[in-house]
Protein backbone atom coordinates (compact mmCIF):
# COMPACT_ATOMS: atom_id res chain seq x y z
CA MET A 1 84.64 107.96 91.53
CA THR A 2 86.95 110.14 93.59
CA PRO A 3 89.66 107.86 94.96
CA SER A 4 90.81 108.43 98.53
CA ARG A 5 93.36 105.59 98.81
CA VAL A 6 95.83 105.03 95.96
CA PHE A 7 98.86 102.71 95.73
CA ILE A 8 101.43 103.35 92.97
CA THR A 9 104.57 101.44 92.04
CA GLY A 10 107.47 103.04 90.21
CA ALA A 11 106.45 106.21 92.01
CA SER A 12 109.81 107.91 92.49
CA SER A 13 109.99 109.64 89.10
CA GLY A 14 108.38 110.08 85.70
CA ILE A 15 104.79 108.94 85.25
CA GLY A 16 104.60 107.48 88.75
CA ALA A 17 105.62 110.72 90.41
CA ALA A 18 103.20 112.69 88.22
CA LEU A 19 100.36 110.38 89.16
CA ALA A 20 101.26 110.77 92.83
CA ALA A 21 101.11 114.55 92.51
CA GLU A 22 97.78 114.37 90.67
CA TYR A 23 96.11 112.14 93.25
CA ALA A 24 97.60 114.00 96.22
CA ALA A 25 96.11 117.22 94.78
CA GLN A 26 92.74 115.41 94.73
CA GLY A 27 93.12 114.71 98.47
CA ALA A 28 93.99 111.03 98.26
CA THR A 29 96.10 109.08 100.74
CA LEU A 30 99.01 107.51 98.87
CA GLY A 31 101.14 104.42 99.17
CA LEU A 32 104.21 105.01 97.00
CA LEU A 33 106.58 102.19 96.18
CA ALA A 34 109.92 102.29 94.37
CA ARG A 35 113.48 101.10 94.85
CA ARG A 36 114.77 104.54 95.85
CA GLY A 37 113.41 105.35 99.27
CA ASP A 38 115.19 108.69 99.42
CA ALA A 39 113.52 109.81 96.18
CA LEU A 40 110.13 108.77 97.57
CA ASP A 41 110.73 110.75 100.74
CA ARG A 42 111.65 113.84 98.72
CA LEU A 43 108.54 113.45 96.59
CA ILE A 44 106.24 113.04 99.60
CA ALA A 45 107.68 116.21 101.12
CA THR A 46 106.42 118.14 98.13
CA LEU A 47 102.86 116.77 98.24
CA PRO A 48 99.82 118.19 100.07
CA HIS A 49 99.38 116.57 103.49
CA PRO A 50 102.65 114.61 103.47
CA GLU A 51 101.72 113.03 106.78
CA ARG A 52 99.00 111.02 105.05
CA HIS A 53 101.31 109.26 102.64
CA ARG A 54 103.58 106.26 103.03
CA ALA A 55 106.78 105.34 101.20
CA TYR A 56 107.89 101.77 100.59
CA ALA A 57 111.45 101.24 99.35
CA VAL A 58 110.96 97.95 97.48
CA ASP A 59 112.24 96.35 94.28
CA VAL A 60 109.11 95.12 92.50
CA ARG A 61 110.90 91.85 91.65
CA ASP A 62 110.65 91.05 95.39
CA HIS A 63 107.09 89.81 95.47
CA ALA A 64 107.03 89.09 99.19
CA ALA A 65 108.15 92.65 99.90
CA ILE A 66 105.35 94.03 97.68
CA ALA A 67 102.82 91.96 99.60
CA THR A 68 104.17 93.24 102.91
CA ALA A 69 103.98 96.84 101.68
CA ALA A 70 100.42 96.27 100.43
CA GLN A 71 99.30 94.94 103.81
CA ALA A 72 100.95 97.84 105.60
CA PHE A 73 99.19 100.36 103.35
CA LEU A 74 95.81 98.62 103.73
CA ALA A 75 96.22 98.83 107.48
CA HIS A 76 97.23 102.49 107.30
CA ALA A 77 94.54 103.62 104.83
CA GLY A 78 91.75 101.28 105.88
CA GLY A 79 91.20 99.98 102.37
CA ILE A 80 92.11 100.66 98.75
CA ASP A 81 90.50 102.45 95.79
CA VAL A 82 93.13 102.42 93.05
CA VAL A 83 96.26 100.30 92.52
CA ILE A 84 98.51 101.43 89.68
CA ALA A 85 101.24 98.95 88.61
CA ASN A 86 103.46 101.54 86.99
CA ALA A 87 107.00 100.25 87.65
CA GLY A 88 108.78 99.47 84.42
CA ILE A 89 112.05 99.22 82.51
CA SER A 90 112.45 100.59 78.98
CA VAL A 91 115.76 99.61 77.39
CA GLY A 92 116.93 98.40 74.01
CA THR A 93 117.60 94.67 73.62
CA LEU A 94 118.81 92.58 70.69
CA THR A 95 118.36 88.80 70.83
CA GLU A 96 121.52 88.24 68.75
CA PHE A 97 123.64 89.31 71.72
CA ALA A 98 123.81 86.73 74.50
CA GLU A 99 124.50 89.40 77.09
CA ASP A 100 121.08 90.95 76.36
CA ILE A 101 119.19 87.85 77.51
CA PRO A 102 119.51 88.63 81.25
CA VAL A 103 118.36 92.17 80.45
CA PHE A 104 115.35 90.66 78.61
CA ALA A 105 114.55 88.62 81.73
CA ASP A 106 114.78 91.74 83.94
CA VAL A 107 112.38 93.62 81.66
CA ILE A 108 109.80 90.81 81.71
CA ALA A 109 110.14 90.38 85.48
CA THR A 110 109.70 94.09 86.15
CA ASN A 111 107.14 95.00 83.51
CA VAL A 112 104.94 91.90 83.50
CA VAL A 113 105.37 89.60 86.50
CA ALA A 114 105.60 92.50 88.94
CA THR A 115 102.31 93.85 87.63
CA ALA A 116 100.54 90.70 88.76
CA ALA A 117 102.49 90.69 92.01
CA THR A 118 101.35 94.26 92.66
CA PHE A 119 97.66 93.52 92.11
CA ALA A 120 97.51 90.18 93.92
CA PRO A 121 97.67 91.36 97.55
CA PHE A 122 94.92 93.93 97.04
CA ILE A 123 92.23 91.83 95.36
CA ALA A 124 90.77 90.29 98.53
CA ALA A 125 90.49 93.71 100.14
CA MET A 126 88.79 95.15 97.05
CA ARG A 127 86.34 92.25 96.97
CA ALA A 128 85.38 92.89 100.58
CA GLN A 129 84.71 96.60 100.09
CA ARG A 130 81.36 98.23 99.26
CA THR A 131 83.19 100.10 96.46
CA PRO A 132 85.60 97.55 94.93
CA GLY A 133 87.98 99.93 93.11
CA ARG A 134 90.34 99.84 90.15
CA LEU A 135 93.43 97.86 89.14
CA VAL A 136 95.46 99.82 86.61
CA GLY A 137 98.11 98.30 84.36
CA ILE A 138 100.51 100.47 82.36
CA GLY A 139 100.95 99.13 78.84
CA SER A 140 102.43 101.14 75.99
CA VAL A 141 101.86 101.95 72.34
CA ALA A 142 105.08 99.93 71.89
CA GLY A 143 103.07 96.85 72.88
CA ILE A 144 100.65 97.22 69.98
CA ARG A 145 103.26 96.40 67.31
CA GLY A 146 106.80 95.24 67.92
CA LEU A 147 109.42 97.95 67.49
CA PRO A 148 112.94 97.25 66.20
CA GLY A 149 115.59 97.12 68.90
CA ALA A 150 112.89 96.98 71.62
CA GLU A 151 112.24 93.27 71.61
CA ALA A 152 111.95 92.89 75.37
CA TYR A 153 110.06 96.13 75.93
CA SER A 154 107.52 95.60 73.14
CA ALA A 155 107.00 92.00 74.22
CA SER A 156 106.53 93.02 77.84
CA LYS A 157 103.99 95.73 77.09
CA ALA A 158 102.05 93.45 74.73
CA ALA A 159 101.95 90.96 77.58
CA VAL A 160 100.66 93.61 80.01
CA ILE A 161 97.85 94.52 77.61
CA SER A 162 96.77 90.89 77.19
CA TYR A 163 97.21 90.13 80.88
CA CYS A 164 95.03 93.06 81.93
CA GLU A 165 92.36 91.95 79.45
CA SER A 166 92.30 88.47 80.98
CA LEU A 167 92.26 89.92 84.49
CA ARG A 168 89.42 92.26 83.51
CA LEU A 169 87.29 89.28 82.61
CA GLU A 170 88.09 87.56 85.91
CA MET A 171 87.43 90.64 88.04
CA HIS A 172 84.13 91.51 86.35
CA ARG A 173 82.15 89.24 88.66
CA TYR A 174 83.46 91.13 91.70
CA GLY A 175 82.79 94.59 90.32
CA ILE A 176 86.52 95.39 90.22
CA ARG A 177 87.43 97.51 87.19
CA VAL A 178 90.67 96.71 85.39
CA VAL A 179 92.00 99.66 83.41
CA THR A 180 94.76 99.40 80.79
CA LEU A 181 96.60 102.64 80.07
CA CYS A 182 98.91 102.78 77.05
CA PRO A 183 101.11 105.90 77.12
CA GLY A 184 102.60 107.27 73.95
CA TYR A 185 105.71 109.39 74.35
CA ILE A 186 105.74 111.01 77.78
CA ASP A 187 108.59 113.40 78.64
CA THR A 188 110.30 111.41 81.41
CA PRO A 189 113.81 110.14 82.13
CA MET A 190 112.77 106.89 80.41
CA THR A 191 112.14 108.62 77.08
CA GLN A 192 114.73 111.40 77.31
CA VAL A 193 117.44 108.93 76.21
CA ASN A 194 115.65 108.13 72.96
CA PRO A 195 117.84 109.23 70.02
CA TYR A 196 114.91 109.88 67.68
CA PRO A 197 111.95 112.26 67.27
CA MET A 198 108.96 111.48 69.49
CA PRO A 199 105.64 112.61 68.02
CA PHE A 200 102.96 114.06 70.32
CA LEU A 201 105.40 114.19 73.26
CA MET A 202 103.37 114.92 76.42
CA ALA A 203 104.32 116.42 79.77
CA PRO A 204 103.96 113.95 82.70
CA ALA A 205 101.52 116.19 84.61
CA LYS A 206 99.22 116.42 81.59
CA PHE A 207 99.38 112.64 81.15
CA ALA A 208 98.57 112.13 84.83
CA ALA A 209 95.53 114.39 84.72
CA ARG A 210 94.14 112.56 81.69
CA ALA A 211 94.96 109.17 83.17
CA ALA A 212 93.18 110.00 86.42
CA ARG A 213 90.01 110.85 84.49
CA VAL A 214 90.15 107.55 82.59
CA ILE A 215 90.68 105.64 85.83
CA ALA A 216 87.85 107.45 87.59
CA ALA A 217 85.53 106.58 84.73
CA GLY A 218 86.59 102.94 84.91
CA ASP A 219 87.31 102.78 81.20
CA SER A 220 88.80 99.46 80.20
CA TYR A 221 91.47 100.79 77.81
CA ALA A 222 92.90 104.11 76.74
CA VAL A 223 95.88 105.39 74.77
CA ILE A 224 97.22 108.73 75.99
CA PRO A 225 97.63 111.05 74.12
CA TRP A 226 94.72 110.11 71.89
CA GLN A 227 96.68 111.01 68.75
CA MET A 228 99.01 108.09 69.43
CA GLY A 229 95.96 105.87 69.68
CA VAL A 230 95.05 106.79 66.12
CA VAL A 231 98.63 106.09 65.00
CA ALA A 232 98.59 102.74 66.81
CA LYS A 233 95.32 101.69 65.15
CA VAL A 234 96.73 102.53 61.72
CA LEU A 235 99.95 100.60 62.43
CA ARG A 236 97.94 97.61 63.63
CA LEU A 237 96.04 97.55 60.32
CA LEU A 238 99.15 97.67 58.13
CA PRO A 239 100.02 94.43 56.36
CA ASN A 240 103.23 92.91 57.71
CA ALA A 241 105.12 93.55 54.47
CA VAL A 242 104.28 97.27 54.59
CA TYR A 243 105.03 97.56 58.32
CA ASP A 244 108.34 95.75 57.90
CA PHE A 245 109.40 98.02 55.04
CA ALA A 246 108.49 101.14 57.01
CA PHE A 247 110.02 100.23 60.36
CA SER A 248 112.85 97.75 59.81
CA LYS A 249 115.41 100.57 59.67
CA ALA A 250 113.82 102.76 62.37
CA PRO A 251 116.13 104.17 65.07
CA HIS A 252 116.74 101.95 68.11
CA LYS A 253 116.55 102.70 71.80
CA PRO A 254 120.05 102.36 73.37
CA ARG A 255 120.91 98.96 74.76
CA LYS A 256 121.78 98.58 78.44
CA THR A 257 124.94 96.65 77.62
CA ALA A 258 127.58 97.23 74.97
CA SER A 259 127.86 94.83 72.06
């Protein structure tokens, strides 16, 4: 499958921008959504055939605005091949601090609820098409086992993985493929604040090229890079006592608010 119409959220930087560049190089028409409209405009100006693409300055927590953008892109592109719900927040949270609870809610709203809100307005169009297309959710290796200091992020990505699995079962009857991508450490602004070593760190462009191949194949699940998939499987098999001993004192991602 060579997609010609692709809609990406969280497209202004990092993985989203890399995916936009990858699909634009393949000749796709893009709908790019993020909060920063100026960043989207700058990105589109760097892509092949910028006149094809559309920018939508929307906060993904505004579900009505996502639906409006989706309908505008469907009208512009004449259909949809791939929807990538990439928008996300990665920030440290600790339940013991009351001020972290609103941050926790923001992470869940952005990483989980907005994923469903992104897919919802495209499903009817995909069902009506001869080639139904793909819905792509961005999970994380951090969703496979909970990481210390990342309570909200790990919970949100575990939820995305399970949500996409449920959705995959529902969409099977329509021929719509649901793809779950779980990045390891990708060199983006989101990870550059991490105060600890990041094994198998991958450049965003390399991630995007591999992700595009997985999406085109319609694979249900992939960890990129594959080495992190091996690590994740090993961690999943560890008894809780062993995992707790190994990771309870691991470095934490910085919190958004001060304690």
